[in-house]
Amino acid sequence: MTMMDYPTLKKLFKDRDKMVRLFCLKTALRDNVPGIEEFLKEGLRDERPEIVAAALKGARRVEEAEISGMVLTYLESPNLLLRTEALFALEGKRSPQVKGALCEFLKREEDANLLASGIRIIGTYRSPEFIPMLKAFLTYEDERVRANAVEALGDIDHPEVPDILKALVSDRNNRVRANAIKSLWERGIRFGLNTLPDELRSPNPRKRASVAYILGIVKEERSLDLLLGLLGDISPTVRNRAVLSLGRVGTARAIGHLLTAYPKEEEPGIRDNIVNACLNINADLAVSRLVEKFTSEEDARVRANLIKSIGVTRHPKTLVLLSRALRDNDARVRANAVEGVAMHDDQSLADLIYPLLNDSHNRVRSNAAAALWKLGGMGAVITLKQMLRSSHKQMRASAAWALGEIGAVQFSDLLQDLSNDADPDVRKCALKALAKVAKIA
């Protein structure tokens, strides 16, 4: 996209049309043009909420006192969007004027989401002067507000704070308890940790998930075994948190347990996190175990899922396994391997994919064509045109899908022709692809 120079933008910005002004603001911010402050000031003076909101987004980038003062006035706006943008525009700004305005904002604001965000921002100051205010929010009805207040208190170095946190270890809310125990542990105080094993027996999945989160932070001697026990929890939220925490604990012994849990896991996102956690713990060992797992796995569905999860990580050390999977006897595995290789976005890998253009399976062939197009390789278009002329409807449908993924306008005519195909499934795929091309264009 061509950059627009400052004089041209300045001239355009004098136009009072809303869409023109929004375009100028967004372009000035995108291109980081000199004199951006001038655009922001004018935008903040505009009375139309859409333009003010765009200017407030831009105000996050600048430190000029005059602009900060203008932003502060919008903390009192009756418009929720403008108050929200004003609040986020002040994040990281540390002048006494901003601190004072944030305190006043927290005293009068009624929206719980904004209160929680404001408390989080106040917490970044790590200042004892805010302890009385944060304590007042510990009894607030909204749990997000209370949890953020606990977290903010935990970041303040003051002798009063540990006793406040200890009282919250037995709080009714799991996130409040978790933040309190975590903050105490970070101060070298092991208060509340002995309650964690008992809390894992709670029927409340949120409580169990919070314990899994804490175990990943504190890395206690028992953390590993307790987290491994949660890999079979009935709640997907708990299982996912256990996987993420095992990745943080970083013990190599966990890799084998995680890969044993992989075939039993029904949630794709958790499966992806399992592979990612293994690679985070020890990439070389994880790849070695993944190769063993893939080679010994007889269930093609599990192999296909495993390759899909491996591709999502984009980890360079997994290419050895993805290359092997390109030659697997199951089409789903090969198709997922093609997608995994393409995710590395490395043109030098195109040679690995070329042979798959002649694969017998429609999905593998279409994936290879789409991948090669994205990697800049030749041959994709010829293959897709051959597929479009195939007597097999699956080949034609897959070609339509690939053209939609490629998203190039020059193929619209091909898709238009295919939208009149004799087969209804092919027509449906062609229309979906046309819609995608139009959206991308």
Protein backbone atom coordinates (compact mmCIF):
# COMPACT_ATOMS: atom_id res chain seq x y z
CA MET A 1 0.00 0.00 0.00
CA THR A 2 1.46 3.40 -1.00
CA MET A 3 2.39 5.78 1.79
CA MET A 4 0.70 9.17 1.68
CA ASP A 5 2.80 12.27 2.36
CA TYR A 6 2.07 14.73 5.17
CA PRO A 7 0.96 17.74 3.03
CA THR A 8 -1.55 15.62 1.11
CA LEU A 9 -3.00 14.14 4.30
CA LYS A 10 -3.15 17.53 5.98
CA LYS A 11 -5.06 18.97 3.04
CA LEU A 12 -7.47 16.03 2.99
CA PHE A 13 -8.02 16.25 6.74
CA LYS A 14 -9.50 19.73 6.38
CA ASP A 15 -12.49 18.05 4.78
CA ARG A 16 -15.29 17.71 7.34
CA ASP A 17 -16.62 14.48 5.80
CA LYS A 18 -16.53 11.77 8.47
CA MET A 19 -15.20 9.00 6.23
CA VAL A 20 -12.45 11.23 4.83
CA ARG A 21 -11.31 12.21 8.30
CA LEU A 22 -11.32 8.62 9.49
CA PHE A 23 -9.28 7.62 6.45
CA CYS A 24 -6.74 10.37 7.18
CA LEU A 25 -6.41 9.44 10.84
CA LYS A 26 -5.97 5.74 10.13
CA THR A 27 -3.49 6.42 7.31
CA ALA A 28 -1.47 8.86 9.44
CA LEU A 29 -1.27 6.28 12.23
CA ARG A 30 -0.47 3.40 9.88
CA ASP A 31 2.34 5.30 8.15
CA ASN A 32 3.49 7.05 11.34
CA VAL A 33 3.65 10.36 9.48
CA PRO A 34 5.54 13.29 11.05
CA GLY A 35 3.27 15.71 12.83
CA ILE A 36 0.81 13.02 13.88
CA GLU A 37 0.04 15.10 17.01
CA GLU A 38 -1.67 17.71 14.85
CA PHE A 39 -4.08 15.12 13.44
CA LEU A 40 -4.81 13.73 16.90
CA LYS A 41 -5.59 17.12 18.44
CA GLU A 42 -7.97 17.97 15.63
CA GLY A 43 -9.58 14.53 15.88
CA LEU A 44 -10.06 14.90 19.63
CA ARG A 45 -11.82 18.24 19.04
CA ASP A 46 -14.25 16.64 16.59
CA GLU A 47 -17.71 16.06 18.05
CA ARG A 48 -18.38 12.79 16.22
CA PRO A 49 -17.70 9.71 18.38
CA GLU A 50 -16.20 7.63 15.57
CA ILE A 51 -13.53 10.25 14.84
CA VAL A 52 -12.80 10.92 18.52
CA ALA A 53 -12.44 7.16 19.13
CA ALA A 54 -9.93 6.88 16.26
CA ALA A 55 -7.95 9.82 17.66
CA LEU A 56 -7.99 8.27 21.15
CA LYS A 57 -6.53 5.05 19.74
CA GLY A 58 -3.73 7.10 18.22
CA ALA A 59 -3.17 9.02 21.48
CA ARG A 60 -1.78 5.82 23.01
CA ARG A 61 1.39 6.39 20.96
CA VAL A 62 2.24 9.94 21.99
CA GLU A 63 3.44 11.53 25.22
CA GLU A 64 2.53 15.17 24.61
CA ALA A 65 1.01 16.74 27.73
CA GLU A 66 -1.62 18.71 25.80
CA ILE A 67 -2.94 15.55 24.16
CA SER A 68 -2.98 13.69 27.48
CA GLY A 69 -4.99 16.55 28.95
CA MET A 70 -7.50 16.31 26.11
CA VAL A 71 -7.75 12.55 26.59
CA LEU A 72 -8.52 13.01 30.31
CA THR A 73 -11.67 14.94 29.51
CA TYR A 74 -13.12 11.88 27.77
CA LEU A 75 -12.91 9.85 30.99
CA GLU A 76 -16.06 11.79 31.90
CA SER A 77 -17.83 11.20 28.58
CA PRO A 78 -21.34 9.70 28.74
CA ASN A 79 -20.27 7.55 25.76
CA LEU A 80 -18.99 4.16 27.00
CA LEU A 81 -16.80 3.62 23.90
CA LEU A 82 -15.06 6.97 24.37
CA ARG A 83 -14.47 6.36 28.08
CA THR A 84 -13.02 2.97 27.19
CA GLU A 85 -10.67 4.35 24.52
CA ALA A 86 -9.64 7.22 26.79
CA LEU A 87 -8.77 4.80 29.58
CA PHE A 88 -6.58 2.63 27.34
CA ALA A 89 -4.96 5.74 25.83
CA LEU A 90 -3.68 6.66 29.32
CA GLU A 91 -2.05 3.29 29.97
CA GLY A 92 1.68 3.75 30.58
CA LYS A 93 1.40 7.51 31.17
CA ARG A 94 2.66 8.33 34.66
CA SER A 95 2.18 12.06 35.27
CA PRO A 96 0.54 13.18 38.56
CA GLN A 97 -2.30 14.65 36.48
CA VAL A 98 -3.04 11.26 34.89
CA LYS A 99 -2.81 9.40 38.21
CA GLY A 100 -5.20 11.84 39.85
CA ALA A 101 -7.68 11.61 36.99
CA LEU A 102 -7.59 7.79 37.09
CA CYS A 103 -8.38 7.80 40.81
CA GLU A 104 -11.36 10.09 40.27
CA PHE A 105 -12.47 7.91 37.37
CA LEU A 106 -12.44 4.78 39.57
CA LYS A 107 -14.53 6.54 42.22
CA ARG A 108 -17.38 7.36 39.86
CA GLU A 109 -17.27 4.69 37.11
CA GLU A 110 -20.11 2.14 37.22
CA ASP A 111 -19.15 -0.17 34.35
CA ALA A 112 -17.44 -3.26 35.82
CA ASN A 113 -15.30 -3.92 32.74
CA LEU A 114 -13.89 -0.42 32.82
CA LEU A 115 -13.34 -0.57 36.56
CA ALA A 116 -11.38 -3.80 36.18
CA SER A 117 -9.25 -2.27 33.40
CA GLY A 118 -8.70 0.93 35.39
CA ILE A 119 -7.55 -1.03 38.43
CA ARG A 120 -5.15 -3.01 36.26
CA ILE A 121 -3.66 0.26 34.98
CA ILE A 122 -3.40 1.67 38.49
CA GLY A 123 -1.58 -1.53 39.45
CA THR A 124 1.18 -0.83 36.92
CA TYR A 125 2.27 2.15 39.06
CA ARG A 126 3.14 -0.22 41.95
CA SER A 127 2.65 2.68 44.33
CA PRO A 128 1.66 2.39 48.05
CA GLU A 129 -0.45 5.54 47.70
CA PHE A 130 -3.10 3.41 45.96
CA ILE A 131 -3.39 0.78 48.71
CA PRO A 132 -6.48 2.35 50.39
CA MET A 133 -8.31 2.56 47.05
CA LEU A 134 -7.41 -1.00 46.06
CA LYS A 135 -8.51 -2.30 49.48
CA ALA A 136 -11.89 -0.65 48.96
CA PHE A 137 -12.38 -2.67 45.77
CA LEU A 138 -11.73 -5.98 47.55
CA THR A 139 -15.38 -6.03 48.59
CA TYR A 140 -16.74 -5.03 45.17
CA GLU A 141 -19.48 -7.30 43.82
CA ASP A 142 -17.82 -8.02 40.46
CA GLU A 143 -15.19 -10.76 40.69
CA ARG A 144 -13.00 -9.38 37.87
CA VAL A 145 -12.69 -6.09 39.73
CA ARG A 146 -11.76 -7.84 42.98
CA ALA A 147 -9.27 -10.17 41.28
CA ASN A 148 -7.53 -7.26 39.55
CA ALA A 149 -7.39 -5.36 42.84
CA VAL A 150 -5.66 -8.35 44.46
CA GLU A 151 -3.18 -8.58 41.59
CA ALA A 152 -2.47 -4.85 41.80
CA LEU A 153 -1.92 -5.05 45.57
CA GLY A 154 0.43 -7.98 45.07
CA ASP A 155 2.72 -5.81 42.95
CA ILE A 156 3.12 -3.16 45.66
CA ASP A 157 6.12 -3.45 47.98
CA HIS A 158 4.67 -2.43 51.36
CA PRO A 159 4.62 -4.21 54.76
CA GLU A 160 0.82 -3.99 54.96
CA VAL A 161 0.25 -6.02 51.77
CA PRO A 162 1.14 -9.60 52.91
CA ASP A 163 -1.50 -9.59 55.67
CA ILE A 164 -4.12 -8.33 53.20
CA LEU A 165 -3.21 -11.14 50.81
CA LYS A 166 -3.24 -13.83 53.52
CA ALA A 167 -6.83 -12.92 54.38
CA LEU A 168 -7.79 -13.47 50.74
CA VAL A 169 -6.34 -16.99 50.45
CA SER A 170 -9.66 -18.34 51.76
CA ASP A 171 -11.81 -16.05 49.57
CA ARG A 172 -14.91 -17.55 47.98
CA ASN A 173 -13.73 -16.66 44.45
CA ASN A 174 -11.17 -18.93 42.79
CA ARG A 175 -9.41 -16.17 40.84
CA VAL A 176 -9.08 -13.95 43.91
CA ARG A 177 -7.58 -16.87 45.85
CA ALA A 178 -5.23 -17.73 43.00
CA ASN A 179 -3.94 -14.18 42.70
CA ALA A 180 -3.43 -13.95 46.46
CA ILE A 181 -1.49 -17.24 46.71
CA LYS A 182 0.59 -16.34 43.64
CA SER A 183 1.47 -12.89 45.00
CA LEU A 184 2.45 -14.32 48.39
CA TRP A 185 4.61 -16.99 46.75
CA GLU A 186 6.38 -14.33 44.67
CA ARG A 187 7.29 -12.65 47.98
CA GLY A 188 8.75 -15.90 49.29
CA ILE A 189 5.69 -16.58 51.51
CA ARG A 190 4.35 -20.13 51.14
CA PHE A 191 1.01 -19.32 52.74
CA GLY A 192 -1.98 -21.22 51.30
CA LEU A 193 -0.02 -23.71 49.20
CA ASN A 194 -0.94 -26.62 51.49
CA THR A 195 -4.61 -26.14 50.55
CA LEU A 196 -4.03 -26.81 46.84
CA PRO A 197 -4.25 -30.65 46.84
CA ASP A 198 -7.56 -30.51 48.72
CA GLU A 199 -8.95 -27.90 46.31
CA LEU A 200 -8.29 -30.24 43.39
CA ARG A 201 -11.06 -32.44 44.77
CA SER A 202 -13.56 -29.60 44.46
CA PRO A 203 -16.59 -30.27 42.19
CA ASN A 204 -16.13 -26.71 40.86
CA PRO A 205 -14.06 -26.85 37.63
CA ARG A 206 -13.10 -23.18 37.95
CA LYS A 207 -11.52 -23.89 41.31
CA ARG A 208 -9.58 -26.84 39.88
CA ALA A 209 -8.46 -24.73 36.91
CA SER A 210 -7.23 -22.00 39.25
CA VAL A 211 -5.19 -24.56 41.19
CA ALA A 212 -3.69 -25.82 37.92
CA TYR A 213 -2.76 -22.22 37.07
CA ILE A 214 -1.09 -21.65 40.46
CA LEU A 215 0.85 -24.93 40.21
CA GLY A 216 2.34 -23.71 36.94
CA ILE A 217 3.46 -20.49 38.62
CA VAL A 218 4.85 -21.76 41.92
CA LYS A 219 6.47 -24.93 40.51
CA GLU A 220 6.27 -26.72 43.83
CA GLU A 221 7.83 -30.15 44.33
CA ARG A 222 4.39 -31.76 44.01
CA SER A 223 3.31 -29.56 41.08
CA LEU A 224 4.27 -32.04 38.38
CA ASP A 225 2.37 -35.01 39.80
CA LEU A 226 -0.69 -32.93 40.64
CA LEU A 227 -0.78 -31.44 37.14
CA LEU A 228 -0.31 -34.82 35.48
CA GLY A 229 -3.35 -36.03 37.39
CA LEU A 230 -5.42 -33.23 35.84
CA LEU A 231 -4.72 -34.34 32.25
CA GLY A 232 -7.67 -36.70 32.59
CA ASP A 233 -10.01 -34.17 34.23
CA ILE A 234 -13.60 -34.15 33.00
CA SER A 235 -13.44 -30.39 32.32
CA PRO A 236 -11.69 -29.19 29.12
CA THR A 237 -10.84 -25.91 30.88
CA VAL A 238 -9.00 -27.77 33.64
CA ARG A 239 -7.19 -30.06 31.19
CA ASN A 240 -6.09 -27.10 29.09
CA ARG A 241 -4.81 -25.18 32.10
CA ALA A 242 -2.92 -28.28 33.27
CA VAL A 243 -1.24 -28.60 29.87
CA LEU A 244 -0.22 -24.93 29.83
CA SER A 245 1.14 -25.17 33.37
CA LEU A 246 3.11 -28.32 32.57
CA GLY A 247 4.73 -26.36 29.76
CA ARG A 248 5.74 -23.72 32.31
CA VAL A 249 7.00 -26.20 34.90
CA GLY A 250 9.34 -27.44 32.18
CA THR A 251 10.19 -30.91 33.48
CA ALA A 252 11.26 -33.33 30.74
CA ARG A 253 9.45 -36.18 32.50
CA ALA A 254 6.15 -34.50 31.56
CA ILE A 255 6.69 -34.99 27.80
CA GLY A 256 5.92 -38.71 27.85
CA HIS A 257 2.77 -38.17 29.94
CA LEU A 258 1.58 -35.37 27.67
CA LEU A 259 2.00 -37.46 24.53
CA THR A 260 0.22 -40.38 26.20
CA ALA A 261 -2.71 -38.04 26.89
CA TYR A 262 -2.74 -36.73 23.31
CA PRO A 263 -4.75 -39.54 21.61
CA LYS A 264 -7.37 -39.42 24.38
CA GLU A 265 -7.90 -35.67 24.05
CA GLU A 266 -10.97 -34.71 22.01
CA GLU A 267 -10.47 -30.93 21.98
CA PRO A 268 -8.31 -29.80 19.00
CA GLY A 269 -7.07 -26.70 20.82
CA ILE A 270 -5.87 -28.73 23.79
CA ARG A 271 -4.16 -31.22 21.46
CA ASP A 272 -2.30 -28.31 19.85
CA ASN A 273 -1.28 -27.01 23.28
CA ILE A 274 0.01 -30.45 24.28
CA VAL A 275 2.44 -30.54 21.35
CA ASN A 276 3.44 -26.92 21.95
CA ALA A 277 4.06 -27.59 25.65
CA CYS A 278 6.32 -30.53 24.80
CA LEU A 279 8.36 -28.39 22.42
CA ASN A 280 8.62 -25.62 25.02
CA ILE A 281 9.93 -28.05 27.62
CA ASN A 282 12.67 -29.56 25.45
CA ALA A 283 12.45 -29.23 21.66
CA ASP A 284 15.01 -31.92 20.77
CA LEU A 285 13.56 -34.49 23.16
CA ALA A 286 10.01 -33.59 22.12
CA VAL A 287 10.75 -34.06 18.41
CA SER A 288 12.39 -37.41 19.13
CA ARG A 289 9.33 -38.55 21.11
CA LEU A 290 6.95 -37.19 18.48
CA VAL A 291 8.75 -39.17 15.79
CA GLU A 292 8.43 -42.31 17.93
CA LYS A 293 4.77 -41.59 18.60
CA PHE A 294 4.00 -40.98 14.93
CA THR A 295 5.90 -44.03 13.72
CA SER A 296 4.31 -46.43 16.20
CA GLU A 297 0.75 -45.05 15.97
CA GLU A 298 -1.49 -47.38 13.95
CA ASP A 299 -4.60 -45.18 14.06
CA ALA A 300 -4.40 -42.93 10.97
CA ARG A 301 -6.80 -40.42 12.54
CA VAL A 302 -4.45 -39.91 15.49
CA ARG A 303 -1.46 -39.57 13.13
CA ALA A 304 -3.35 -36.97 11.09
CA ASN A 305 -4.29 -35.00 14.22
CA LEU A 306 -0.72 -35.18 15.48
CA ILE A 307 0.67 -33.78 12.23
CA LYS A 308 -1.96 -31.02 12.26
CA SER A 309 -0.95 -30.01 15.80
CA ILE A 310 2.73 -30.13 14.88
CA GLY A 311 2.12 -27.85 11.89
CA VAL A 312 0.35 -25.27 14.04
CA THR A 313 3.48 -24.83 16.21
CA ARG A 314 5.56 -23.68 13.20
CA HIS A 315 8.59 -25.00 15.08
CA PRO A 316 11.55 -25.43 12.70
CA LYS A 317 12.73 -28.65 14.36
CA THR A 318 9.45 -30.38 13.47
CA LEU A 319 10.13 -30.19 9.73
CA VAL A 320 11.86 -33.56 9.86
CA LEU A 321 8.60 -35.18 10.95
CA LEU A 322 6.43 -33.16 8.57
CA SER A 323 8.66 -34.29 5.68
CA ARG A 324 8.18 -37.91 6.69
CA ALA A 325 4.40 -37.41 6.96
CA LEU A 326 4.27 -36.18 3.36
CA ARG A 327 4.94 -39.80 2.36
CA ASP A 328 2.40 -41.38 4.72
CA ASN A 329 -0.03 -43.91 3.23
CA ASP A 330 -3.04 -42.04 4.64
CA ALA A 331 -4.34 -39.07 2.64
CA ARG A 332 -5.44 -37.11 5.73
CA VAL A 333 -1.91 -37.30 7.12
CA ARG A 334 -0.37 -36.16 3.84
CA ALA A 335 -2.87 -33.30 3.49
CA ASN A 336 -2.18 -32.05 7.01
CA ALA A 337 1.57 -32.38 6.45
CA VAL A 338 1.33 -30.16 3.36
CA GLU A 339 -0.50 -27.51 5.39
CA GLY A 340 2.09 -27.82 8.17
CA VAL A 341 5.02 -27.30 5.80
CA ALA A 342 3.28 -24.30 4.20
CA MET A 343 2.80 -22.69 7.62
CA HIS A 344 6.57 -22.22 7.88
CA ASP A 345 6.26 -19.68 5.05
CA ASP A 346 9.70 -20.60 3.69
CA GLN A 347 10.04 -20.62 -0.10
CA SER A 348 12.93 -23.09 0.09
CA LEU A 349 10.44 -25.72 1.31
CA ALA A 350 8.48 -25.65 -1.97
CA ASP A 351 10.52 -28.58 -3.30
CA LEU A 352 9.08 -30.79 -0.56
CA ILE A 353 5.54 -30.08 -1.78
CA TYR A 354 5.98 -30.35 -5.57
CA PRO A 355 5.54 -34.15 -5.71
CA LEU A 356 2.17 -33.84 -3.95
CA LEU A 357 0.71 -31.99 -6.97
CA ASN A 358 0.33 -35.43 -8.56
CA ASP A 359 -1.14 -37.09 -5.48
CA SER A 360 -4.08 -39.41 -6.10
CA HIS A 361 -6.21 -37.74 -3.40
CA ASN A 362 -8.12 -34.55 -4.14
CA ARG A 363 -7.52 -32.89 -0.78
CA VAL A 364 -3.77 -33.54 -0.83
CA ARG A 365 -3.48 -32.22 -4.36
CA SER A 366 -5.50 -29.06 -3.66
CA ASN A 367 -3.57 -28.40 -0.43
CA ALA A 368 -0.31 -28.73 -2.35
CA ALA A 369 -1.49 -26.29 -5.02
CA ALA A 370 -2.64 -23.70 -2.46
CA ALA A 371 0.59 -24.11 -0.47
CA LEU A 372 2.83 -23.73 -3.51
CA TRP A 373 0.99 -20.61 -4.61
CA LYS A 374 1.60 -19.04 -1.18
CA LEU A 375 5.27 -20.10 -1.22
CA GLY A 376 5.75 -18.63 -4.69
CA GLY A 377 6.23 -21.98 -6.39
CA MET A 378 5.15 -22.73 -9.95
CA GLY A 379 2.79 -25.48 -11.01
CA ALA A 380 -0.17 -24.69 -8.79
CA VAL A 381 -2.32 -23.13 -11.52
CA ILE A 382 -1.74 -25.97 -14.01
CA THR A 383 -2.69 -28.55 -11.38
CA LEU A 384 -5.86 -26.69 -10.39
CA LYS A 385 -6.98 -26.29 -13.98
CA GLN A 386 -6.51 -30.04 -14.48
CA MET A 387 -8.58 -30.68 -11.36
CA LEU A 388 -11.33 -28.38 -12.62
CA ARG A 389 -11.63 -30.54 -15.75
CA SER A 390 -11.75 -33.79 -13.77
CA SER A 391 -14.75 -36.09 -14.08
CA HIS A 392 -14.62 -36.61 -10.31
CA LYS A 393 -16.68 -34.05 -8.43
CA GLN A 394 -14.35 -34.27 -5.38
CA MET A 395 -11.46 -33.06 -7.53
CA ARG A 396 -13.50 -30.12 -8.86
CA ALA A 397 -14.77 -29.18 -5.40
CA SER A 398 -11.26 -29.30 -3.91
CA ALA A 399 -9.94 -27.15 -6.75
CA ALA A 400 -12.65 -24.58 -5.97
CA TRP A 401 -11.65 -24.61 -2.30
CA ALA A 402 -7.97 -24.08 -3.21
CA LEU A 403 -8.81 -21.13 -5.49
CA GLY A 404 -10.73 -19.59 -2.62
CA GLU A 405 -7.74 -20.05 -0.31
CA ILE A 406 -5.43 -18.49 -2.90
CA GLY A 407 -7.85 -15.57 -3.14
CA ALA A 408 -6.52 -14.21 -6.43
CA VAL A 409 -9.04 -12.15 -8.42
CA GLN A 410 -7.70 -13.46 -11.73
CA PHE A 411 -9.27 -16.83 -10.98
CA SER A 412 -12.79 -15.43 -10.49
CA ASP A 413 -13.80 -16.43 -14.02
CA LEU A 414 -12.83 -20.05 -13.35
CA LEU A 415 -14.89 -20.04 -10.18
CA GLN A 416 -17.77 -18.34 -11.95
CA ASP A 417 -17.83 -21.16 -14.49
CA LEU A 418 -17.68 -23.72 -11.71
CA SER A 419 -20.66 -22.13 -9.97
CA ASN A 420 -22.72 -23.59 -12.85
CA ASP A 421 -21.37 -27.10 -12.35
CA ALA A 422 -23.80 -30.00 -12.70
CA ASP A 423 -23.07 -31.15 -9.16
CA PRO A 424 -24.66 -29.14 -6.30
CA ASP A 425 -21.73 -29.75 -3.92
CA VAL A 426 -19.28 -28.37 -6.46
CA ARG A 427 -21.50 -25.34 -7.06
CA LYS A 428 -21.64 -24.70 -3.32
CA CYS A 429 -17.83 -24.88 -3.01
CA ALA A 430 -17.41 -22.52 -5.98
CA LEU A 431 -19.81 -19.95 -4.52
CA LYS A 432 -18.06 -20.07 -1.13
CA ALA A 433 -14.71 -19.57 -2.87
CA LEU A 434 -16.06 -16.64 -4.90
CA ALA A 435 -17.29 -15.00 -1.69
CA LYS A 436 -13.86 -15.47 -0.12
CA VAL A 437 -12.06 -14.02 -3.14
CA ALA A 438 -14.37 -11.00 -3.12
CA LYS A 439 -13.72 -10.47 0.60
CA ILE A 440 -9.93 -10.70 0.20
CA ALA A 441 -9.97 -8.39 -2.79
